[in-house]
Structures are given as structure tokens and as C-alpha cells.
Amino acid sequence: MGMEKFYIYAQLYESERRFHWACVQITLLTGKLEDFNKRYGRAGQNEDKCFRNKMRLQIWVAEGLLQNYCQYACLKKNKVIDLRFLLYGDNPDEGETLYAGIEAYESAADVEDGSAEEF
């Protein structure tokens, strides 16, 4: 029984670490996406079509990465909640579980307002 508990602690530590780094990446990607949207707007004001198309592609890539990181973070958070329940018997609140939220977003534009929905 002792080794199983140690293994669960190790899984919990690893899942929490990966969840933390996914959240860091989400924060960085959100900042990049805001920057890309500002640059896209400036390119539209300056009527620079080549740069505007390049920015639109970068926005799409950033939105795709953001959506994937959000899904990954949701999966890791659910795993952390499950492992904590196994170890400590903590019953998560209703708002703490994210099982239904993974497929709720069809695009990263739904996750982050101010994205490039005007295309």
C-alpha cells in the first residue's frame, strides 16, 4: 500500500507541474495574441495588405495553440482533482470540475475575446 501511495504522490506532483506550465504558456500566448491583433489593426489602418495577411496567419496559429493549451490544461486539472480525491478524499466543488468545459469551445476565439473574428 505504501508504494502505491508514493506512486500517486509522484503522479500528483507531475500533473500539478504540467498544469502550472500549461497555464504559463496560456498567459504568454494570450499576450502574443493581443500583440498580433494590435499589429493586424495597424496594418489595416495603413492599408498594408501583405503584412495584414501575414498577421492574420499568425493570429490563426496563435489561436490554435491557445485552444490546444486550454484543452491540455483542463485535462491536467481534472487529473489533479482526481488524484487529490484518491489521496485526501477531498470532494471538489461543482465549479471546480472542468469535464464539460473541454468541448464547449469550438475555437480559441470563444476562449479569448478580442481575437480575429472579423476575417
PDB file of N, CA and C in Angstrom:
ATOM      1  N   MET A   1       0.823  -1.197   0.000  1.00  0.00           N
ATOM      2  CA  MET A   1       0.000   0.000   0.000  1.00  0.00           C
ATOM      3  C   MET A   1       0.867   1.260   0.000  1.00  0.00           C
ATOM      4  N   GLY A   2       2.041   1.222   0.631  1.00  0.00           N
ATOM      5  CA  GLY A   2       2.911   2.384   0.713  1.00  0.00           C
ATOM      6  C   GLY A   2       3.458   2.804  -0.636  1.00  0.00           C
ATOM      7  N   MET A   3       3.854   1.833  -1.462  1.00  0.00           N
ATOM      8  CA  MET A   3       4.407   2.159  -2.781  1.00  0.00           C
ATOM      9  C   MET A   3       3.331   2.729  -3.699  1.00  0.00           C
ATOM     10  N   GLU A   4       2.093   2.237  -3.572  1.00  0.00           N
ATOM     11  CA  GLU A   4       1.020   2.763  -4.405  1.00  0.00           C
ATOM     12  C   GLU A   4       0.746   4.228  -4.071  1.00  0.00           C
ATOM     13  N   LYS A   5       0.769   4.543  -2.784  1.00  0.00           N
ATOM     14  CA  LYS A   5       0.534   5.917  -2.361  1.00  0.00           C
ATOM     15  C   LYS A   5       1.681   6.818  -2.840  1.00  0.00           C
ATOM     16  N   PHE A   6       2.904   6.322  -2.750  1.00  0.00           N
ATOM     17  CA  PHE A   6       4.060   7.076  -3.243  1.00  0.00           C
ATOM     18  C   PHE A   6       3.922   7.337  -4.741  1.00  0.00           C
ATOM     19  N   TYR A   7       3.464   6.341  -5.494  1.00  0.00           N
ATOM     20  CA  TYR A   7       3.283   6.487  -6.937  1.00  0.00           C
ATOM     21  C   TYR A   7       2.208   7.531  -7.236  1.00  0.00           C
ATOM     22  N   ILE A   8       1.140   7.542  -6.446  1.00  0.00           N
ATOM     23  CA  ILE A   8       0.072   8.528  -6.649  1.00  0.00           C
ATOM     24  C   ILE A   8       0.585   9.927  -6.326  1.00  0.00           C
ATOM     25  N   TYR A   9       1.403  10.060  -5.259  1.00  0.00           N
ATOM     26  CA  TYR A   9       2.013  11.356  -4.941  1.00  0.00           C
ATOM     27  C   TYR A   9       2.893  11.835  -6.096  1.00  0.00           C
ATOM     28  N   ALA A  10       3.645  10.931  -6.680  1.00  0.00           N
ATOM     29  CA  ALA A  10       4.512  11.292  -7.803  1.00  0.00           C
ATOM     30  C   ALA A  10       3.679  11.745  -9.003  1.00  0.00           C
ATOM     31  N   GLN A  11       2.587  11.038  -9.265  1.00  0.00           N
ATOM     32  CA  GLN A  11       1.694  11.432 -10.362  1.00  0.00           C
ATOM     33  C   GLN A  11       1.075  12.798 -10.094  1.00  0.00           C
ATOM     34  N   LEU A  12       0.676  13.037  -8.848  1.00  0.00           N
ATOM     35  CA  LEU A  12       0.075  14.317  -8.488  1.00  0.00           C
ATOM     36  C   LEU A  12       1.069  15.450  -8.686  1.00  0.00           C
ATOM     37  N   TYR A  13       2.304  15.258  -8.231  1.00  0.00           N
ATOM     38  CA  TYR A  13       3.332  16.288  -8.388  1.00  0.00           C
ATOM     39  C   TYR A  13       3.566  16.587  -9.873  1.00  0.00           C
ATOM     40  N   GLU A  14       3.692  15.547 -10.670  1.00  0.00           N
ATOM     41  CA  GLU A  14       3.953  15.732 -12.104  1.00  0.00           C
ATOM     42  C   GLU A  14       2.770  16.410 -12.800  1.00  0.00           C
ATOM     43  N   SER A  15       1.560  16.019 -12.451  1.00  0.00           N
ATOM     44  CA  SER A  15       0.369  16.628 -13.060  1.00  0.00           C
ATOM     45  C   SER A  15       0.246  18.094 -12.671  1.00  0.00           C
ATOM     46  N   GLU A  16       0.528  18.430 -11.403  1.00  0.00           N
ATOM     47  CA  GLU A  16       0.470  19.827 -10.978  1.00  0.00           C
ATOM     48  C   GLU A  16       1.535  20.662 -11.686  1.00  0.00           C
ATOM     49  N   ARG A  17       2.718  20.094 -11.868  1.00  0.00           N
ATOM     50  CA  ARG A  17       3.797  20.802 -12.559  1.00  0.00           C
ATOM     51  C   ARG A  17       3.415  21.064 -14.015  1.00  0.00           C
ATOM     52  N   ARG A  18       2.873  20.071 -14.673  1.00  0.00           N
ATOM     53  CA  ARG A  18       2.484  20.249 -16.073  1.00  0.00           C
ATOM     54  C   ARG A  18       1.318  21.219 -16.213  1.00  0.00           C
ATOM     55  N   PHE A  19       0.375  21.180 -15.262  1.00  0.00           N
ATOM     56  CA  PHE A  19      -0.742  22.120 -15.279  1.00  0.00           C
ATOM     57  C   PHE A  19      -0.225  23.555 -15.115  1.00  0.00           C
ATOM     58  N   HIS A  20       0.726  23.740 -14.211  1.00  0.00           N
ATOM     59  CA  HIS A  20       1.294  25.073 -13.991  1.00  0.00           C
ATOM     60  C   HIS A  20       1.954  25.600 -15.265  1.00  0.00           C
ATOM     61  N   TRP A  21       2.755  24.777 -15.915  1.00  0.00           N
ATOM     62  CA  TRP A  21       3.438  25.237 -17.124  1.00  0.00           C
ATOM     63  C   TRP A  21       2.470  25.457 -18.278  1.00  0.00           C
ATOM     64  N   ALA A  22       1.383  24.699 -18.339  1.00  0.00           N
ATOM     65  CA  ALA A  22       0.361  24.953 -19.352  1.00  0.00           C
ATOM     66  C   ALA A  22      -0.289  26.310 -19.107  1.00  0.00           C
ATOM     67  N   CYS A  23      -0.523  26.656 -17.846  1.00  0.00           N
ATOM     68  CA  CYS A  23      -1.092  27.964 -17.522  1.00  0.00           C
ATOM     69  C   CYS A  23      -0.132  29.090 -17.882  1.00  0.00           C
ATOM     70  N   VAL A  24       1.159  28.869 -17.671  1.00  0.00           N
ATOM     71  CA  VAL A  24       2.159  29.873 -18.056  1.00  0.00           C
ATOM     72  C   VAL A  24       2.137  30.068 -19.574  1.00  0.00           C
ATOM     73  N   GLN A  25       2.066  28.991 -20.316  1.00  0.00           N
ATOM     74  CA  GLN A  25       2.030  29.090 -21.776  1.00  0.00           C
ATOM     75  C   GLN A  25       0.758  29.782 -22.256  1.00  0.00           C
ATOM     76  N   ILE A  26      -0.363  29.527 -21.588  1.00  0.00           N
ATOM     77  CA  ILE A  26      -1.617  30.193 -21.948  1.00  0.00           C
ATOM     78  C   ILE A  26      -1.484  31.691 -21.744  1.00  0.00           C
ATOM     79  N   THR A  27      -0.863  32.094 -20.653  1.00  0.00           N
ATOM     80  CA  THR A  27      -0.657  33.515 -20.382  1.00  0.00           C
ATOM     81  C   THR A  27       0.227  34.147 -21.452  1.00  0.00           C
ATOM     82  N   LEU A  28       1.310  33.474 -21.806  1.00  0.00           N
ATOM     83  CA  LEU A  28       2.206  34.009 -22.832  1.00  0.00           C
ATOM     84  C   LEU A  28       1.519  34.085 -24.196  1.00  0.00           C
ATOM     85  N   LEU A  29       0.762  33.052 -24.547  1.00  0.00           N
ATOM     86  CA  LEU A  29       0.071  33.053 -25.834  1.00  0.00           C
ATOM     87  C   LEU A  29      -1.029  34.111 -25.886  1.00  0.00           C
ATOM     88  N   THR A  30      -1.680  34.361 -24.779  1.00  0.00           N
ATOM     89  CA  THR A  30      -2.700  35.406 -24.742  1.00  0.00           C
ATOM     90  C   THR A  30      -2.070  36.770 -25.005  1.00  0.00           C
ATOM     91  N   GLY A  31      -0.911  37.012 -24.400  1.00  0.00           N
ATOM     92  CA  GLY A  31      -0.197  38.264 -24.665  1.00  0.00           C
ATOM     93  C   GLY A  31       0.230  38.396 -26.113  1.00  0.00           C
ATOM     94  N   LYS A  32       0.746  37.296 -26.673  1.00  0.00           N
ATOM     95  CA  LYS A  32       1.147  37.305 -28.089  1.00  0.00           C
ATOM     96  C   LYS A  32      -0.056  37.575 -28.990  1.00  0.00           C
ATOM     97  N   LEU A  33      -1.190  36.962 -28.665  1.00  0.00           N
ATOM     98  CA  LEU A  33      -2.386  37.136 -29.475  1.00  0.00           C
ATOM     99  C   LEU A  33      -2.868  38.586 -29.432  1.00  0.00           C
ATOM    100  N   GLU A  34      -2.803  39.212 -28.262  1.00  0.00           N
ATOM    101  CA  GLU A  34      -3.167  40.623 -28.163  1.00  0.00           C
ATOM    102  C   GLU A  34      -2.230  41.486 -29.014  1.00  0.00           C
ATOM    103  N   ASP A  35      -0.944  41.172 -28.968  1.00  0.00           N
ATOM    104  CA  ASP A  35       0.033  41.908 -29.764  1.00  0.00           C
ATOM    105  C   ASP A  35      -0.239  41.726 -31.265  1.00  0.00           C
ATOM    106  N   PHE A  36      -0.508  40.503 -31.673  1.00  0.00           N
ATOM    107  CA  PHE A  36      -0.812  40.247 -33.085  1.00  0.00           C
ATOM    108  C   PHE A  36      -2.063  40.994 -33.527  1.00  0.00           C
ATOM    109  N   ASN A  37      -3.085  41.039 -32.661  1.00  0.00           N
ATOM    110  CA  ASN A  37      -4.309  41.753 -33.018  1.00  0.00           C
ATOM    111  C   ASN A  37      -4.072  43.251 -33.158  1.00  0.00           C
ATOM    112  N   LYS A  38      -3.239  43.831 -32.291  1.00  0.00           N
ATOM    113  CA  LYS A  38      -2.906  45.256 -32.414  1.00  0.00           C
ATOM    114  C   LYS A  38      -2.163  45.512 -33.722  1.00  0.00           C
ATOM    115  N   ARG A  39      -1.196  44.649 -34.025  1.00  0.00           N
ATOM    116  CA  ARG A  39      -0.421  44.828 -35.258  1.00  0.00           C
ATOM    117  C   ARG A  39      -1.296  44.624 -36.487  1.00  0.00           C
ATOM    118  N   TYR A  40      -2.257  43.708 -36.399  1.00  0.00           N
ATOM    119  CA  TYR A  40      -3.190  43.483 -37.502  1.00  0.00           C
ATOM    120  C   TYR A  40      -4.049  44.725 -37.726  1.00  0.00           C
ATOM    121  N   GLY A  41      -4.497  45.338 -36.628  1.00  0.00           N
ATOM    122  CA  GLY A  41      -5.301  46.555 -36.745  1.00  0.00           C
ATOM    123  C   GLY A  41      -4.523  47.706 -37.353  1.00  0.00           C
ATOM    124  N   ARG A  42      -3.259  47.855 -36.929  1.00  0.00           N
ATOM    125  CA  ARG A  42      -2.415  48.907 -37.503  1.00  0.00           C
ATOM    126  C   ARG A  42      -2.140  48.670 -38.982  1.00  0.00           C
ATOM    127  N   ALA A  43      -1.986  47.418 -39.363  1.00  0.00           N
ATOM    128  CA  ALA A  43      -1.760  47.117 -40.780  1.00  0.00           C
ATOM    129  C   ALA A  43      -3.005  47.446 -41.600  1.00  0.00           C
ATOM    130  N   GLY A  44      -4.174  47.246 -41.015  1.00  0.00           N
ATOM    131  CA  GLY A  44      -5.406  47.615 -41.705  1.00  0.00           C
ATOM    132  C   GLY A  44      -5.539  49.117 -41.866  1.00  0.00           C
ATOM    133  N   GLN A  45      -5.135  49.859 -40.848  1.00  0.00           N
ATOM    134  CA  GLN A  45      -5.191  51.323 -40.932  1.00  0.00           C
ATOM    135  C   GLN A  45      -4.197  51.848 -41.962  1.00  0.00           C
ATOM    136  N   ASN A  46      -3.045  51.212 -42.069  1.00  0.00           N
ATOM    137  CA  ASN A  46      -2.020  51.634 -43.027  1.00  0.00           C
ATOM    138  C   ASN A  46      -2.235  51.038 -44.414  1.00  0.00           C
ATOM    139  N   GLU A  47      -3.244  50.205 -44.567  1.00  0.00           N
ATOM    140  CA  GLU A  47      -3.583  49.538 -45.827  1.00  0.00           C
ATOM    141  C   GLU A  47      -2.412  48.732 -46.376  1.00  0.00           C
ATOM    142  N   ASP A  48      -1.734  48.029 -45.510  1.00  0.00           N
ATOM    143  CA  ASP A  48      -0.619  47.159 -45.877  1.00  0.00           C
ATOM    144  C   ASP A  48      -1.149  45.725 -45.962  1.00  0.00           C
ATOM    145  N   LYS A  49      -1.564  45.336 -47.154  1.00  0.00           N
ATOM    146  CA  LYS A  49      -2.239  44.044 -47.325  1.00  0.00           C
ATOM    147  C   LYS A  49      -1.318  42.850 -47.093  1.00  0.00           C
ATOM    148  N   CYS A  50      -0.075  42.933 -47.511  1.00  0.00           N
ATOM    149  CA  CYS A  50       0.859  41.818 -47.322  1.00  0.00           C
ATOM    150  C   CYS A  50       1.094  41.548 -45.839  1.00  0.00           C
ATOM    151  N   PHE A  51       1.370  42.603 -45.090  1.00  0.00           N
ATOM    152  CA  PHE A  51       1.619  42.444 -43.662  1.00  0.00           C
ATOM    153  C   PHE A  51       0.346  42.018 -42.942  1.00  0.00           C
ATOM    154  N   ARG A  52      -0.785  42.505 -43.406  1.00  0.00           N
ATOM    155  CA  ARG A  52      -2.071  42.134 -42.799  1.00  0.00           C
ATOM    156  C   ARG A  52      -2.342  40.645 -42.985  1.00  0.00           C
ATOM    157  N   ASN A  53      -2.064  40.111 -44.156  1.00  0.00           N
ATOM    158  CA  ASN A  53      -2.246  38.673 -44.386  1.00  0.00           C
ATOM    159  C   ASN A  53      -1.298  37.851 -43.528  1.00  0.00           C
ATOM    160  N   LYS A  54      -0.054  38.317 -43.398  1.00  0.00           N
ATOM    161  CA  LYS A  54       0.910  37.625 -42.553  1.00  0.00           C
ATOM    162  C   LYS A  54       0.440  37.618 -41.097  1.00  0.00           C
ATOM    163  N   MET A  55      -0.079  38.747 -40.622  1.00  0.00           N
ATOM    164  CA  MET A  55      -0.561  38.830 -39.245  1.00  0.00           C
ATOM    165  C   MET A  55      -1.789  37.936 -39.041  1.00  0.00           C
ATOM    166  N   ARG A  56      -2.645  37.856 -40.043  1.00  0.00           N
ATOM    167  CA  ARG A  56      -3.828  37.012 -39.930  1.00  0.00           C
ATOM    168  C   ARG A  56      -3.433  35.545 -39.773  1.00  0.00           C
ATOM    169  N   LEU A  57      -2.434  35.109 -40.513  1.00  0.00           N
ATOM    170  CA  LEU A  57      -1.956  33.730 -40.372  1.00  0.00           C
ATOM    171  C   LEU A  57      -1.348  33.490 -38.994  1.00  0.00           C
ATOM    172  N   GLN A  58      -0.582  34.463 -38.497  1.00  0.00           N
ATOM    173  CA  GLN A  58      -0.002  34.316 -37.161  1.00  0.00           C
ATOM    174  C   GLN A  58      -1.086  34.295 -36.083  1.00  0.00           C
ATOM    175  N   ILE A  59      -2.150  35.062 -36.269  1.00  0.00           N
ATOM    176  CA  ILE A  59      -3.267  35.049 -35.320  1.00  0.00           C
ATOM    177  C   ILE A  59      -3.934  33.683 -35.322  1.00  0.00           C
ATOM    178  N   TRP A  60      -4.124  33.106 -36.492  1.00  0.00           N
ATOM    179  CA  TRP A  60      -4.763  31.788 -36.565  1.00  0.00           C
ATOM    180  C   TRP A  60      -3.915  30.719 -35.881  1.00  0.00           C
ATOM    181  N   VAL A  61      -2.619  30.779 -36.087  1.00  0.00           N
ATOM    182  CA  VAL A  61      -1.725  29.810 -35.440  1.00  0.00           C
ATOM    183  C   VAL A  61      -1.765  29.989 -33.922  1.00  0.00           C
ATOM    184  N   ALA A  62      -1.694  31.235 -33.479  1.00  0.00           N
ATOM    185  CA  ALA A  62      -1.720  31.502 -32.030  1.00  0.00           C
ATOM    186  C   ALA A  62      -3.041  31.059 -31.410  1.00  0.00           C
ATOM    187  N   GLU A  63      -4.154  31.266 -32.114  1.00  0.00           N
ATOM    188  CA  GLU A  63      -5.449  30.828 -31.603  1.00  0.00           C
ATOM    189  C   GLU A  63      -5.521  29.305 -31.504  1.00  0.00           C
ATOM    190  N   GLY A  64      -4.964  28.614 -32.509  1.00  0.00           N
ATOM    191  CA  GLY A  64      -4.951  27.154 -32.467  1.00  0.00           C
ATOM    192  C   GLY A  64      -4.120  26.624 -31.315  1.00  0.00           C
ATOM    193  N   LEU A  65      -2.942  27.222 -31.119  1.00  0.00           N
ATOM    194  CA  LEU A  65      -2.096  26.821 -29.993  1.00  0.00           C
ATOM    195  C   LEU A  65      -2.772  27.122 -28.660  1.00  0.00           C
ATOM    196  N   LEU A  66      -3.422  28.264 -28.559  1.00  0.00           N
ATOM    197  CA  LEU A  66      -4.105  28.634 -27.331  1.00  0.00           C
ATOM    198  C   LEU A  66      -5.231  27.650 -27.016  1.00  0.00           C
ATOM    199  N   GLN A  67      -5.967  27.267 -28.021  1.00  0.00           N
ATOM    200  CA  GLN A  67      -7.053  26.296 -27.814  1.00  0.00           C
ATOM    201  C   GLN A  67      -6.489  24.954 -27.345  1.00  0.00           C
ATOM    202  N   ASN A  68      -5.426  24.505 -27.946  1.00  0.00           N
ATOM    203  CA  ASN A  68      -4.833  23.230 -27.544  1.00  0.00           C
ATOM    204  C   ASN A  68      -4.282  23.285 -26.126  1.00  0.00           C
ATOM    205  N   TYR A  69      -3.622  24.373 -25.771  1.00  0.00           N
ATOM    206  CA  TYR A  69      -3.111  24.504 -24.405  1.00  0.00           C
ATOM    207  C   TYR A  69      -4.254  24.570 -23.390  1.00  0.00           C
ATOM    208  N   CYS A  70      -5.349  25.237 -23.747  1.00  0.00           N
ATOM    209  CA  CYS A  70      -6.501  25.292 -22.837  1.00  0.00           C
ATOM    210  C   CYS A  70      -7.082  23.899 -22.611  1.00  0.00           C
ATOM    211  N   GLN A  71      -7.208  23.115 -23.667  1.00  0.00           N
ATOM    212  CA  GLN A  71      -7.708  21.754 -23.519  1.00  0.00           C
ATOM    213  C   GLN A  71      -6.757  20.908 -22.684  1.00  0.00           C
ATOM    214  N   TYR A  72      -5.461  21.051 -22.920  1.00  0.00           N
ATOM    215  CA  TYR A  72      -4.459  20.296 -22.164  1.00  0.00           C
ATOM    216  C   TYR A  72      -4.508  20.681 -20.686  1.00  0.00           C
ATOM    217  N   ALA A  73      -4.632  21.983 -20.405  1.00  0.00           N
ATOM    218  CA  ALA A  73      -4.704  22.439 -19.015  1.00  0.00           C
ATOM    219  C   ALA A  73      -5.955  21.899 -18.329  1.00  0.00           C
ATOM    220  N   CYS A  74      -7.059  21.846 -19.055  1.00  0.00           N
ATOM    221  CA  CYS A  74      -8.289  21.279 -18.479  1.00  0.00           C
ATOM    222  C   CYS A  74      -8.103  19.805 -18.138  1.00  0.00           C
ATOM    223  N   LEU A  75      -7.473  19.063 -19.027  1.00  0.00           N
ATOM    224  CA  LEU A  75      -7.231  17.647 -18.754  1.00  0.00           C
ATOM    225  C   LEU A  75      -6.324  17.454 -17.548  1.00  0.00           C
ATOM    226  N   LYS A  76      -5.275  18.257 -17.453  1.00  0.00           N
ATOM    227  CA  LYS A  76      -4.349  18.141 -16.317  1.00  0.00           C
ATOM    228  C   LYS A  76      -5.022  18.548 -15.011  1.00  0.00           C
ATOM    229  N   LYS A  77      -5.861  19.578 -15.047  1.00  0.00           N
ATOM    230  CA  LYS A  77      -6.561  19.984 -13.828  1.00  0.00           C
ATOM    231  C   LYS A  77      -7.500  18.883 -13.365  1.00  0.00           C
ATOM    232  N   ASN A  78      -8.191  18.255 -14.299  1.00  0.00           N
ATOM    233  CA  ASN A  78      -9.075  17.147 -13.932  1.00  0.00           C
ATOM    234  C   ASN A  78      -8.292  15.984 -13.330  1.00  0.00           C
ATOM    235  N   LYS A  79      -7.107  15.723 -13.874  1.00  0.00           N
ATOM    236  CA  LYS A  79      -6.280  14.645 -13.320  1.00  0.00           C
ATOM    237  C   LYS A  79      -5.815  15.000 -11.913  1.00  0.00           C
ATOM    238  N   VAL A  80      -5.442  16.260 -11.687  1.00  0.00           N
ATOM    239  CA  VAL A  80      -5.032  16.701 -10.355  1.00  0.00           C
ATOM    240  C   VAL A  80      -6.192  16.546  -9.373  1.00  0.00           C
ATOM    241  N   ILE A  81      -7.386  16.933  -9.786  1.00  0.00           N
ATOM    242  CA  ILE A  81      -8.556  16.800  -8.918  1.00  0.00           C
ATOM    243  C   ILE A  81      -8.819  15.337  -8.573  1.00  0.00           C
ATOM    244  N   ASP A  82      -8.717  14.466  -9.565  1.00  0.00           N
ATOM    245  CA  ASP A  82      -8.941  13.038  -9.328  1.00  0.00           C
ATOM    246  C   ASP A  82      -7.887  12.448  -8.386  1.00  0.00           C
ATOM    247  N   LEU A  83      -6.626  12.825  -8.587  1.00  0.00           N
ATOM    248  CA  LEU A  83      -5.561  12.299  -7.735  1.00  0.00           C
ATOM    249  C   LEU A  83      -5.675  12.827  -6.298  1.00  0.00           C
ATOM    250  N   ARG A  84      -6.056  14.095  -6.156  1.00  0.00           N
ATOM    251  CA  ARG A  84      -6.266  14.622  -4.808  1.00  0.00           C
ATOM    252  C   ARG A  84      -7.414  13.906  -4.103  1.00  0.00           C
ATOM    253  N   PHE A  85      -8.439  13.567  -4.876  1.00  0.00           N
ATOM    254  CA  PHE A  85      -9.557  12.825  -4.292  1.00  0.00           C
ATOM    255  C   PHE A  85      -9.094  11.446  -3.828  1.00  0.00           C
ATOM    256  N   LEU A  86      -8.246  10.796  -4.627  1.00  0.00           N
ATOM    257  CA  LEU A  86      -7.720   9.487  -4.220  1.00  0.00           C
ATOM    258  C   LEU A  86      -6.866   9.571  -2.957  1.00  0.00           C
ATOM    259  N   LEU A  87      -6.043  10.615  -2.872  1.00  0.00           N
ATOM    260  CA  LEU A  87      -5.124  10.729  -1.741  1.00  0.00           C
ATOM    261  C   LEU A  87      -5.783  11.266  -0.481  1.00  0.00           C
ATOM    262  N   TYR A  88      -6.520  12.354  -0.637  1.00  0.00           N
ATOM    263  CA  TYR A  88      -7.002  13.068   0.534  1.00  0.00           C
ATOM    264  C   TYR A  88      -8.501  12.920   0.774  1.00  0.00           C
ATOM    265  N   GLY A  89      -9.223  12.450  -0.227  1.00  0.00           N
ATOM    266  CA  GLY A  89     -10.669  12.340  -0.086  1.00  0.00           C
ATOM    267  C   GLY A  89     -11.384  13.667  -0.239  1.00  0.00           C
ATOM    268  N   ASP A  90     -10.688  14.675  -0.771  1.00  0.00           N
ATOM    269  CA  ASP A  90     -11.313  15.977  -0.993  1.00  0.00           C
ATOM    270  C   ASP A  90     -12.347  15.850  -2.094  1.00  0.00           C
ATOM    271  N   ASN A  91     -13.547  16.306  -1.793  1.00  0.00           N
ATOM    272  CA  ASN A  91     -14.602  16.297  -2.795  1.00  0.00           C
ATOM    273  C   ASN A  91     -14.623  17.670  -3.455  1.00  0.00           C
ATOM    274  N   PRO A  92     -14.340  17.756  -4.753  1.00  0.00           N
ATOM    275  CA  PRO A  92     -14.278  19.069  -5.407  1.00  0.00           C
ATOM    276  C   PRO A  92     -15.653  19.712  -5.485  1.00  0.00           C
ATOM    277  N   ASP A  93     -15.651  21.044  -5.498  1.00  0.00           N
ATOM    278  CA  ASP A  93     -16.889  21.785  -5.661  1.00  0.00           C
ATOM    279  C   ASP A  93     -17.402  21.591  -7.075  1.00  0.00           C
ATOM    280  N   GLU A  94     -18.665  21.987  -7.286  1.00  0.00           N
ATOM    281  CA  GLU A  94     -19.258  21.852  -8.621  1.00  0.00           C
ATOM    282  C   GLU A  94     -18.492  22.680  -9.649  1.00  0.00           C
ATOM    283  N   GLY A  95     -18.100  23.892  -9.312  1.00  0.00           N
ATOM    284  CA  GLY A  95     -17.407  24.763 -10.259  1.00  0.00           C
ATOM    285  C   GLY A  95     -15.964  24.381 -10.492  1.00  0.00           C
ATOM    286  N   GLU A  96     -15.437  23.467  -9.700  1.00  0.00           N
ATOM    287  CA  GLU A  96     -14.024  23.131  -9.814  1.00  0.00           C
ATOM    288  C   GLU A  96     -13.757  22.092 -10.889  1.00  0.00           C
ATOM    289  N   THR A  97     -14.736  21.268 -11.213  1.00  0.00           N
ATOM    290  CA  THR A  97     -14.526  20.255 -12.244  1.00  0.00           C
ATOM    291  C   THR A  97     -14.720  20.881 -13.616  1.00  0.00           C
ATOM    292  N   LEU A  98     -13.938  20.443 -14.569  1.00  0.00           N
ATOM    293  CA  LEU A  98     -13.963  21.028 -15.908  1.00  0.00           C
ATOM    294  C   LEU A  98     -14.259  20.002 -16.987  1.00  0.00           C
ATOM    295  N   TYR A  99     -14.824  18.875 -16.631  1.00  0.00           N
ATOM    296  CA  TYR A  99     -15.024  17.833 -17.634  1.00  0.00           C
ATOM    297  C   TYR A  99     -15.905  18.304 -18.784  1.00  0.00           C
ATOM    298  N   ALA A 100     -16.935  19.081 -18.493  1.00  0.00           N
ATOM    299  CA  ALA A 100     -17.838  19.526 -19.549  1.00  0.00           C
ATOM    300  C   ALA A 100     -17.258  20.676 -20.347  1.00  0.00           C
ATOM    301  N   GLY A 101     -16.259  21.378 -19.819  1.00  0.00           N
ATOM    302  CA  GLY A 101     -15.754  22.568 -20.478  1.00  0.00           C
ATOM    303  C   GLY A 101     -14.780  22.317 -21.598  1.00  0.00           C
ATOM    304  N   ILE A 102     -14.301  21.100 -21.768  1.00  0.00           N
ATOM    305  CA  ILE A 102     -13.273  20.848 -22.768  1.00  0.00           C
ATOM    306  C   ILE A 102     -13.808  20.991 -24.181  1.00  0.00           C
ATOM    307  N   GLU A 103     -14.988  20.463 -24.436  1.00  0.00           N
ATOM    308  CA  GLU A 103     -15.535  20.504 -25.787  1.00  0.00           C
ATOM    309  C   GLU A 103     -16.478  21.684 -25.986  1.00  0.00           C
ATOM    310  N   ALA A 104     -16.582  22.568 -25.016  1.00  0.00           N
ATOM    311  CA  ALA A 104     -17.518  23.680 -25.104  1.00  0.00           C
ATOM    312  C   ALA A 104     -17.059  24.736 -26.103  1.00  0.00           C
ATOM    313  N   TYR A 105     -15.765  24.836 -26.361  1.00  0.00           N
ATOM    314  CA  TYR A 105     -15.245  25.866 -27.244  1.00  0.00           C
ATOM    315  C   TYR A 105     -14.972  25.275 -28.621  1.00  0.00           C
ATOM    316  N   GLU A 106     -15.531  25.932 -29.622  1.00  0.00           N
ATOM    317  CA  GLU A 106     -15.286  25.474 -30.981  1.00  0.00           C
ATOM    318  C   GLU A 106     -14.018  26.102 -31.548  1.00  0.00           C
ATOM    319  N   SER A 107     -13.636  27.249 -31.023  1.00  0.00           N
ATOM    320  CA  SER A 107     -12.404  27.886 -31.466  1.00  0.00           C
ATOM    321  C   SER A 107     -11.822  28.674 -30.311  1.00  0.00           C
ATOM    322  N   ALA A 108     -10.589  29.059 -30.460  1.00  0.00           N
ATOM    323  CA  ALA A 108      -9.940  29.850 -29.417  1.00  0.00           C
ATOM    324  C   ALA A 108     -10.548  31.242 -29.338  1.00  0.00           C
ATOM    325  N   ALA A 109     -11.265  31.661 -30.397  1.00  0.00           N
ATOM    326  CA  ALA A 109     -11.928  32.955 -30.370  1.00  0.00           C
ATOM    327  C   ALA A 109     -13.007  32.979 -29.300  1.00  0.00           C
ATOM    328  N   ASP A 110     -13.611  31.821 -29.001  1.00  0.00           N
ATOM    329  CA  ASP A 110     -14.590  31.743 -27.936  1.00  0.00           C
ATOM    330  C   ASP A 110     -13.926  31.863 -26.574  1.00  0.00           C
ATOM    331  N   VAL A 111     -12.686  31.425 -26.474  1.00  0.00           N
ATOM    332  CA  VAL A 111     -11.956  31.481 -25.212  1.00  0.00           C
ATOM    333  C   VAL A 111     -11.475  32.891 -24.936  1.00  0.00           C
ATOM    334  N   GLU A 112     -10.916  33.530 -25.927  1.00  0.00           N
ATOM    335  CA  GLU A 112     -10.288  34.833 -25.749  1.00  0.00           C
ATOM    336  C   GLU A 112     -11.043  35.871 -26.567  1.00  0.00           C
ATOM    337  N   ASP A 113     -11.665  36.850 -25.901  1.00  0.00           N
ATOM    338  CA  ASP A 113     -12.347  37.926 -26.617  1.00  0.00           C
ATOM    339  C   ASP A 113     -11.315  38.839 -27.263  1.00  0.00           C
ATOM    340  N   GLY A 114     -11.733  39.523 -28.301  1.00  0.00           N
ATOM    341  CA  GLY A 114     -10.829  40.445 -28.972  1.00  0.00           C
ATOM    342  C   GLY A 114      -9.959  39.764 -29.996  1.00  0.00           C
ATOM    343  N   SER A 115     -10.318  38.583 -30.387  1.00  0.00           N
ATOM    344  CA  SER A 115      -9.498  37.879 -31.372  1.00  0.00           C
ATOM    345  C   SER A 115      -9.951  38.255 -32.778  1.00  0.00           C
ATOM    346  N   ALA A 116      -9.377  37.598 -33.736  1.00  0.00           N
ATOM    347  CA  ALA A 116      -9.594  37.963 -35.133  1.00  0.00           C
ATOM    348  C   ALA A 116     -10.822  37.285 -35.703  1.00  0.00           C
ATOM    349  N   GLU A 117     -11.992  37.657 -35.221  1.00  0.00           N
ATOM    350  CA  GLU A 117     -13.220  37.071 -35.736  1.00  0.00           C
ATOM    351  C   GLU A 117     -13.729  37.818 -36.967  1.00  0.00           C
ATOM    352  N   GLU A 118     -13.104  38.916 -37.314  1.00  0.00           N
ATOM    353  CA  GLU A 118     -13.589  39.769 -38.382  1.00  0.00           C
ATOM    354  C   GLU A 118     -13.154  39.310 -39.763  1.00  0.00           C
ATOM    355  N   PHE A 119     -12.509  38.195 -39.878  1.00  0.00           N
ATOM    356  CA  PHE A 119     -11.978  37.740 -41.168  1.00  0.00           C
ATOM    357  C   PHE A 119     -13.073  37.280 -42.056  1.00  0.00           C
TER     358      PHE A 119
END
